[in-house]
Amino acid sequence: MSGREQISAFLKANWYNGDKMEDLLTFLIVGAAVFYVVRSFYRSFKKGGNCACGCSSCGSKAACEKLLEKNKA
């Protein structure tokens, strides 16, 4: 049996099974969600304020503006 045939047999035995494909798909979806959440938190802290979408729509706009002025000084 050649190397290519061995790899093909391994994949058929381990990854073409419905259970393995479901696990892989679930892992990819959960991984994408975790990546999105971590990226959102990183971007919100990178901006230097507590408001992730800008201070104009934040409920504590005054506190955000004071914080931004304090950070500039």
PDB file of N, CA and C in Angstrom:
ATOM      1  N   MET A   1       0.853  -1.181   0.000  1.00  0.00           N
ATOM      2  CA  MET A   1       0.000   0.000   0.000  1.00  0.00           C
ATOM      3  C   MET A   1       0.898   1.244   0.000  1.00  0.00           C
ATOM      4  N   SER A   2       0.637   2.149  -0.931  1.00  0.00           N
ATOM      5  CA  SER A   2       1.461   3.357  -1.032  1.00  0.00           C
ATOM      6  C   SER A   2       1.071   4.372   0.036  1.00  0.00           C
ATOM      7  N   GLY A   3       1.913   5.404   0.174  1.00  0.00           N
ATOM      8  CA  GLY A   3       1.644   6.447   1.165  1.00  0.00           C
ATOM      9  C   GLY A   3       0.329   7.154   0.924  1.00  0.00           C
ATOM     10  N   ARG A   4       0.024   7.415  -0.348  1.00  0.00           N
ATOM     11  CA  ARG A   4      -1.229   8.096  -0.695  1.00  0.00           C
ATOM     12  C   ARG A   4      -2.434   7.239  -0.328  1.00  0.00           C
ATOM     13  N   GLU A   5      -2.328   5.941  -0.566  1.00  0.00           N
ATOM     14  CA  GLU A   5      -3.435   5.042  -0.223  1.00  0.00           C
ATOM     15  C   GLU A   5      -3.617   4.944   1.292  1.00  0.00           C
ATOM     16  N   GLN A   6      -2.501   4.962   2.020  1.00  0.00           N
ATOM     17  CA  GLN A   6      -2.590   4.915   3.473  1.00  0.00           C
ATOM     18  C   GLN A   6      -3.268   6.171   4.021  1.00  0.00           C
ATOM     19  N   ILE A   7      -2.906   7.339   3.487  1.00  0.00           N
ATOM     20  CA  ILE A   7      -3.536   8.591   3.924  1.00  0.00           C
ATOM     21  C   ILE A   7      -5.019   8.577   3.588  1.00  0.00           C
ATOM     22  N   SER A   8      -5.348   8.109   2.384  1.00  0.00           N
ATOM     23  CA  SER A   8      -6.758   8.042   1.980  1.00  0.00           C
ATOM     24  C   SER A   8      -7.544   7.104   2.893  1.00  0.00           C
ATOM     25  N   ALA A   9      -6.950   5.960   3.229  1.00  0.00           N
ATOM     26  CA  ALA A   9      -7.634   5.009   4.115  1.00  0.00           C
ATOM     27  C   ALA A   9      -7.812   5.606   5.499  1.00  0.00           C
ATOM     28  N   PHE A  10      -6.790   6.316   5.994  1.00  0.00           N
ATOM     29  CA  PHE A  10      -6.888   6.950   7.310  1.00  0.00           C
ATOM     30  C   PHE A  10      -8.004   7.988   7.328  1.00  0.00           C
ATOM     31  N   LEU A  11      -8.059   8.819   6.294  1.00  0.00           N
ATOM     32  CA  LEU A  11      -9.096   9.852   6.244  1.00  0.00           C
ATOM     33  C   LEU A  11     -10.494   9.253   6.148  1.00  0.00           C
ATOM     34  N   LYS A  12     -10.634   8.217   5.359  1.00  0.00           N
ATOM     35  CA  LYS A  12     -11.947   7.567   5.248  1.00  0.00           C
ATOM     36  C   LYS A  12     -12.371   6.965   6.577  1.00  0.00           C
ATOM     37  N   ALA A  13     -11.421   6.385   7.298  1.00  0.00           N
ATOM     38  CA  ALA A  13     -11.749   5.746   8.564  1.00  0.00           C
ATOM     39  C   ALA A  13     -12.024   6.762   9.664  1.00  0.00           C
ATOM     40  N   ASN A  14     -11.385   7.940   9.605  1.00  0.00           N
ATOM     41  CA  ASN A  14     -11.466   8.863  10.727  1.00  0.00           C
ATOM     42  C   ASN A  14     -12.234  10.147  10.460  1.00  0.00           C
ATOM     43  N   TRP A  15     -12.247  10.648   9.241  1.00  0.00           N
ATOM     44  CA  TRP A  15     -12.862  11.948   9.001  1.00  0.00           C
ATOM     45  C   TRP A  15     -14.118  11.900   8.154  1.00  0.00           C
ATOM     46  N   TYR A  16     -14.321  10.878   7.393  1.00  0.00           N
ATOM     47  CA  TYR A  16     -15.530  10.813   6.572  1.00  0.00           C
ATOM     48  C   TYR A  16     -16.711  10.285   7.361  1.00  0.00           C
ATOM     49  N   ASN A  17     -16.474   9.815   8.536  1.00  0.00           N
ATOM     50  CA  ASN A  17     -17.536   9.371   9.425  1.00  0.00           C
ATOM     51  C   ASN A  17     -18.359  10.594   9.833  1.00  0.00           C
ATOM     52  N   GLY A  18     -19.658  10.480   9.876  1.00  0.00           N
ATOM     53  CA  GLY A  18     -20.525  11.611  10.182  1.00  0.00           C
ATOM     54  C   GLY A  18     -20.238  12.255  11.526  1.00  0.00           C
ATOM     55  N   ASP A  19     -19.910  11.460  12.532  1.00  0.00           N
ATOM     56  CA  ASP A  19     -19.641  11.999  13.866  1.00  0.00           C
ATOM     57  C   ASP A  19     -18.428  12.906  13.867  1.00  0.00           C
ATOM     58  N   LYS A  20     -17.391  12.510  13.186  1.00  0.00           N
ATOM     59  CA  LYS A  20     -16.167  13.313  13.149  1.00  0.00           C
ATOM     60  C   LYS A  20     -16.406  14.626  12.409  1.00  0.00           C
ATOM     61  N   MET A  21     -17.160  14.568  11.338  1.00  0.00           N
ATOM     62  CA  MET A  21     -17.438  15.781  10.567  1.00  0.00           C
ATOM     63  C   MET A  21     -18.289  16.751  11.398  1.00  0.00           C
ATOM     64  N   GLU A  22     -19.223  16.226  12.166  1.00  0.00           N
ATOM     65  CA  GLU A  22     -20.037  17.075  13.039  1.00  0.00           C
ATOM     66  C   GLU A  22     -19.169  17.730  14.107  1.00  0.00           C
ATOM     67  N   ASP A  23     -18.251  16.968  14.673  1.00  0.00           N
ATOM     68  CA  ASP A  23     -17.346  17.522  15.680  1.00  0.00           C
ATOM     69  C   ASP A  23     -16.470  18.617  15.079  1.00  0.00           C
ATOM     70  N   LEU A  24     -15.952  18.390  13.888  1.00  0.00           N
ATOM     71  CA  LEU A  24     -15.107  19.371  13.220  1.00  0.00           C
ATOM     72  C   LEU A  24     -15.894  20.644  12.920  1.00  0.00           C
ATOM     73  N   LEU A  25     -17.100  20.490  12.418  1.00  0.00           N
ATOM     74  CA  LEU A  25     -17.938  21.646  12.111  1.00  0.00           C
ATOM     75  C   LEU A  25     -18.282  22.427  13.386  1.00  0.00           C
ATOM     76  N   THR A  26     -18.603  21.729  14.454  1.00  0.00           N
ATOM     77  CA  THR A  26     -18.902  22.377  15.736  1.00  0.00           C
ATOM     78  C   THR A  26     -17.675  23.124  16.252  1.00  0.00           C
ATOM     79  N   PHE A  27     -16.506  22.503  16.153  1.00  0.00           N
ATOM     80  CA  PHE A  27     -15.268  23.141  16.587  1.00  0.00           C
ATOM     81  C   PHE A  27     -15.002  24.416  15.788  1.00  0.00           C
ATOM     82  N   LEU A  28     -15.209  24.375  14.492  1.00  0.00           N
ATOM     83  CA  LEU A  28     -14.981  25.552  13.652  1.00  0.00           C
ATOM     84  C   LEU A  28     -15.942  26.691  13.992  1.00  0.00           C
ATOM     85  N   ILE A  29     -17.203  26.368  14.233  1.00  0.00           N
ATOM     86  CA  ILE A  29     -18.198  27.394  14.562  1.00  0.00           C
ATOM     87  C   ILE A  29     -17.888  28.018  15.924  1.00  0.00           C
ATOM     88  N   VAL A  30     -17.608  27.187  16.915  1.00  0.00           N
ATOM     89  CA  VAL A  30     -17.284  27.705  18.246  1.00  0.00           C
ATOM     90  C   VAL A  30     -15.978  28.506  18.199  1.00  0.00           C
ATOM     91  N   GLY A  31     -15.003  28.030  17.455  1.00  0.00           N
ATOM     92  CA  GLY A  31     -13.746  28.753  17.307  1.00  0.00           C
ATOM     93  C   GLY A  31     -13.945  30.117  16.678  1.00  0.00           C
ATOM     94  N   ALA A  32     -14.802  30.200  15.650  1.00  0.00           N
ATOM     95  CA  ALA A  32     -15.085  31.487  15.005  1.00  0.00           C
ATOM     96  C   ALA A  32     -15.785  32.434  15.978  1.00  0.00           C
ATOM     97  N   ALA A  33     -16.699  31.919  16.792  1.00  0.00           N
ATOM     98  CA  ALA A  33     -17.403  32.757  17.768  1.00  0.00           C
ATOM     99  C   ALA A  33     -16.433  33.284  18.833  1.00  0.00           C
ATOM    100  N   VAL A  34     -15.554  32.440  19.311  1.00  0.00           N
ATOM    101  CA  VAL A  34     -14.571  32.867  20.310  1.00  0.00           C
ATOM    102  C   VAL A  34     -13.643  33.920  19.707  1.00  0.00           C
ATOM    103  N   PHE A  35     -13.198  33.707  18.476  1.00  0.00           N
ATOM    104  CA  PHE A  35     -12.347  34.679  17.801  1.00  0.00           C
ATOM    105  C   PHE A  35     -13.047  36.031  17.688  1.00  0.00           C
ATOM    106  N   TYR A  36     -14.331  36.024  17.322  1.00  0.00           N
ATOM    107  CA  TYR A  36     -15.090  37.273  17.175  1.00  0.00           C
ATOM    108  C   TYR A  36     -15.196  38.013  18.510  1.00  0.00           C
ATOM    109  N   VAL A  37     -15.483  37.293  19.585  1.00  0.00           N
ATOM    110  CA  VAL A  37     -15.635  37.924  20.897  1.00  0.00           C
ATOM    111  C   VAL A  37     -14.307  38.509  21.369  1.00  0.00           C
ATOM    112  N   VAL A  38     -13.240  37.748  21.222  1.00  0.00           N
ATOM    113  CA  VAL A  38     -11.920  38.231  21.647  1.00  0.00           C
ATOM    114  C   VAL A  38     -11.528  39.453  20.820  1.00  0.00           C
ATOM    115  N   ARG A  39     -11.775  39.415  19.526  1.00  0.00           N
ATOM    116  CA  ARG A  39     -11.449  40.548  18.660  1.00  0.00           C
ATOM    117  C   ARG A  39     -12.260  41.780  19.030  1.00  0.00           C
ATOM    118  N   SER A  40     -13.527  41.603  19.377  1.00  0.00           N
ATOM    119  CA  SER A  40     -14.373  42.728  19.775  1.00  0.00           C
ATOM    120  C   SER A  40     -13.856  43.375  21.059  1.00  0.00           C
ATOM    121  N   PHE A  41     -13.487  42.549  22.049  1.00  0.00           N
ATOM    122  CA  PHE A  41     -12.946  43.091  23.294  1.00  0.00           C
ATOM    123  C   PHE A  41     -11.625  43.813  23.041  1.00  0.00           C
ATOM    124  N   TYR A  42     -10.778  43.223  22.217  1.00  0.00           N
ATOM    125  CA  TYR A  42      -9.487  43.838  21.922  1.00  0.00           C
ATOM    126  C   TYR A  42      -9.678  45.200  21.258  1.00  0.00           C
ATOM    127  N   ARG A  43     -10.575  45.264  20.298  1.00  0.00           N
ATOM    128  CA  ARG A  43     -10.818  46.533  19.608  1.00  0.00           C
ATOM    129  C   ARG A  43     -11.408  47.580  20.542  1.00  0.00           C
ATOM    130  N   SER A  44     -12.277  47.174  21.461  1.00  0.00           N
ATOM    131  CA  SER A  44     -12.886  48.145  22.368  1.00  0.00           C
ATOM    132  C   SER A  44     -11.846  48.718  23.333  1.00  0.00           C
ATOM    133  N   PHE A  45     -10.929  47.890  23.802  1.00  0.00           N
ATOM    134  CA  PHE A  45      -9.893  48.380  24.709  1.00  0.00           C
ATOM    135  C   PHE A  45      -8.800  49.134  23.958  1.00  0.00           C
ATOM    136  N   LYS A  46      -8.586  48.793  22.718  1.00  0.00           N
ATOM    137  CA  LYS A  46      -7.575  49.470  21.909  1.00  0.00           C
ATOM    138  C   LYS A  46      -7.967  50.923  21.640  1.00  0.00           C
ATOM    139  N   LYS A  47      -9.276  51.191  21.565  1.00  0.00           N
ATOM    140  CA  LYS A  47      -9.749  52.549  21.323  1.00  0.00           C
ATOM    141  C   LYS A  47      -9.479  53.462  22.511  1.00  0.00           C
ATOM    142  N   GLY A  48      -9.293  52.937  23.681  1.00  0.00           N
ATOM    143  CA  GLY A  48      -8.962  53.734  24.851  1.00  0.00           C
ATOM    144  C   GLY A  48     -10.153  54.121  25.692  1.00  0.00           C
ATOM    145  N   GLY A  49     -11.315  53.652  25.400  1.00  0.00           N
ATOM    146  CA  GLY A  49     -12.489  53.976  26.197  1.00  0.00           C
ATOM    147  C   GLY A  49     -13.270  52.736  26.537  1.00  0.00           C
ATOM    148  N   ASN A  50     -14.333  52.924  27.275  1.00  0.00           N
ATOM    149  CA  ASN A  50     -15.179  51.797  27.637  1.00  0.00           C
ATOM    150  C   ASN A  50     -16.295  51.576  26.639  1.00  0.00           C
ATOM    151  N   CYS A  51     -16.500  52.515  25.744  1.00  0.00           N
ATOM    152  CA  CYS A  51     -17.575  52.412  24.766  1.00  0.00           C
ATOM    153  C   CYS A  51     -17.037  51.766  23.494  1.00  0.00           C
ATOM    154  N   ALA A  52     -17.576  50.622  23.136  1.00  0.00           N
ATOM    155  CA  ALA A  52     -17.067  49.894  21.979  1.00  0.00           C
ATOM    156  C   ALA A  52     -17.519  50.518  20.660  1.00  0.00           C
ATOM    157  N   CYS A  53     -18.599  51.295  20.688  1.00  0.00           N
ATOM    158  CA  CYS A  53     -19.138  51.818  19.428  1.00  0.00           C
ATOM    159  C   CYS A  53     -19.045  53.334  19.352  1.00  0.00           C
ATOM    160  N   GLY A  54     -18.268  53.963  20.163  1.00  0.00           N
ATOM    161  CA  GLY A  54     -18.137  55.414  20.152  1.00  0.00           C
ATOM    162  C   GLY A  54     -18.975  56.027  21.250  1.00  0.00           C
ATOM    163  N   CYS A  55     -18.577  57.209  21.696  1.00  0.00           N
ATOM    164  CA  CYS A  55     -19.245  57.821  22.844  1.00  0.00           C
ATOM    165  C   CYS A  55     -20.582  58.470  22.492  1.00  0.00           C
ATOM    166  N   SER A  56     -20.851  58.692  21.224  1.00  0.00           N
ATOM    167  CA  SER A  56     -22.094  59.367  20.865  1.00  0.00           C
ATOM    168  C   SER A  56     -23.323  58.536  21.204  1.00  0.00           C
ATOM    169  N   SER A  57     -23.205  57.214  21.152  1.00  0.00           N
ATOM    170  CA  SER A  57     -24.359  56.364  21.452  1.00  0.00           C
ATOM    171  C   SER A  57     -24.259  55.689  22.809  1.00  0.00           C
ATOM    172  N   CYS A  58     -23.258  56.055  23.585  1.00  0.00           N
ATOM    173  CA  CYS A  58     -23.047  55.429  24.890  1.00  0.00           C
ATOM    174  C   CYS A  58     -23.978  56.055  25.934  1.00  0.00           C
ATOM    175  N   GLY A  59     -24.472  55.242  26.838  1.00  0.00           N
ATOM    176  CA  GLY A  59     -25.350  55.739  27.878  1.00  0.00           C
ATOM    177  C   GLY A  59     -24.626  56.633  28.875  1.00  0.00           C
ATOM    178  N   SER A  60     -23.342  56.440  29.033  1.00  0.00           N
ATOM    179  CA  SER A  60     -22.555  57.268  29.945  1.00  0.00           C
ATOM    180  C   SER A  60     -21.589  58.138  29.146  1.00  0.00           C
ATOM    181  N   LYS A  61     -22.148  58.921  28.256  1.00  0.00           N
ATOM    182  CA  LYS A  61     -21.355  59.762  27.362  1.00  0.00           C
ATOM    183  C   LYS A  61     -20.464  60.731  28.130  1.00  0.00           C
ATOM    184  N   ALA A  62     -20.974  61.325  29.172  1.00  0.00           N
ATOM    185  CA  ALA A  62     -20.204  62.291  29.944  1.00  0.00           C
ATOM    186  C   ALA A  62     -18.972  61.626  30.574  1.00  0.00           C
ATOM    187  N   ALA A  63     -19.157  60.431  31.103  1.00  0.00           N
ATOM    188  CA  ALA A  63     -18.032  59.719  31.713  1.00  0.00           C
ATOM    189  C   ALA A  63     -16.995  59.357  30.661  1.00  0.00           C
ATOM    190  N   CYS A  64     -17.448  58.979  29.474  1.00  0.00           N
ATOM    191  CA  CYS A  64     -16.517  58.645  28.389  1.00  0.00           C
ATOM    192  C   CYS A  64     -15.718  59.869  27.978  1.00  0.00           C
ATOM    193  N   GLU A  65     -16.392  61.010  27.871  1.00  0.00           N
ATOM    194  CA  GLU A  65     -15.697  62.219  27.447  1.00  0.00           C
ATOM    195  C   GLU A  65     -14.665  62.638  28.484  1.00  0.00           C
ATOM    196  N   LYS A  66     -15.007  62.517  29.765  1.00  0.00           N
ATOM    197  CA  LYS A  66     -14.047  62.860  30.817  1.00  0.00           C
ATOM    198  C   LYS A  66     -12.836  61.921  30.759  1.00  0.00           C
ATOM    199  N   LEU A  67     -13.093  60.666  30.535  1.00  0.00           N
ATOM    200  CA  LEU A  67     -12.018  59.691  30.456  1.00  0.00           C
ATOM    201  C   LEU A  67     -11.109  59.979  29.269  1.00  0.00           C
ATOM    202  N   LEU A  68     -11.699  60.321  28.133  1.00  0.00           N
ATOM    203  CA  LEU A  68     -10.898  60.638  26.954  1.00  0.00           C
ATOM    204  C   LEU A  68     -10.074  61.897  27.163  1.00  0.00           C
ATOM    205  N   GLU A  69     -10.661  62.930  27.802  1.00  0.00           N
ATOM    206  CA  GLU A  69      -9.907  64.152  28.085  1.00  0.00           C
ATOM    207  C   GLU A  69      -8.756  63.879  29.049  1.00  0.00           C
ATOM    208  N   LYS A  70      -9.004  63.038  30.034  1.00  0.00           N
ATOM    209  CA  LYS A  70      -7.983  62.696  31.020  1.00  0.00           C
ATOM    210  C   LYS A  70      -6.826  61.946  30.357  1.00  0.00           C
ATOM    211  N   ASN A  71      -7.149  61.065  29.401  1.00  0.00           N
ATOM    212  CA  ASN A  71      -6.113  60.288  28.721  1.00  0.00           C
ATOM    213  C   ASN A  71      -5.293  61.168  27.775  1.00  0.00           C
ATOM    214  N   LYS A  72      -5.885  62.227  27.230  1.00  0.00           N
ATOM    215  CA  LYS A  72      -5.159  63.114  26.307  1.00  0.00           C
ATOM    216  C   LYS A  72      -4.150  63.984  27.053  1.00  0.00           C
ATOM    217  N   ALA A  73      -4.484  64.324  28.291  1.00  0.00           N
ATOM    218  CA  ALA A  73      -3.616  65.238  29.065  1.00  0.00           C
ATOM    219  C   ALA A  73      -2.391  64.562  29.600  1.00  0.00           C
TER     220      ALA A  73
END
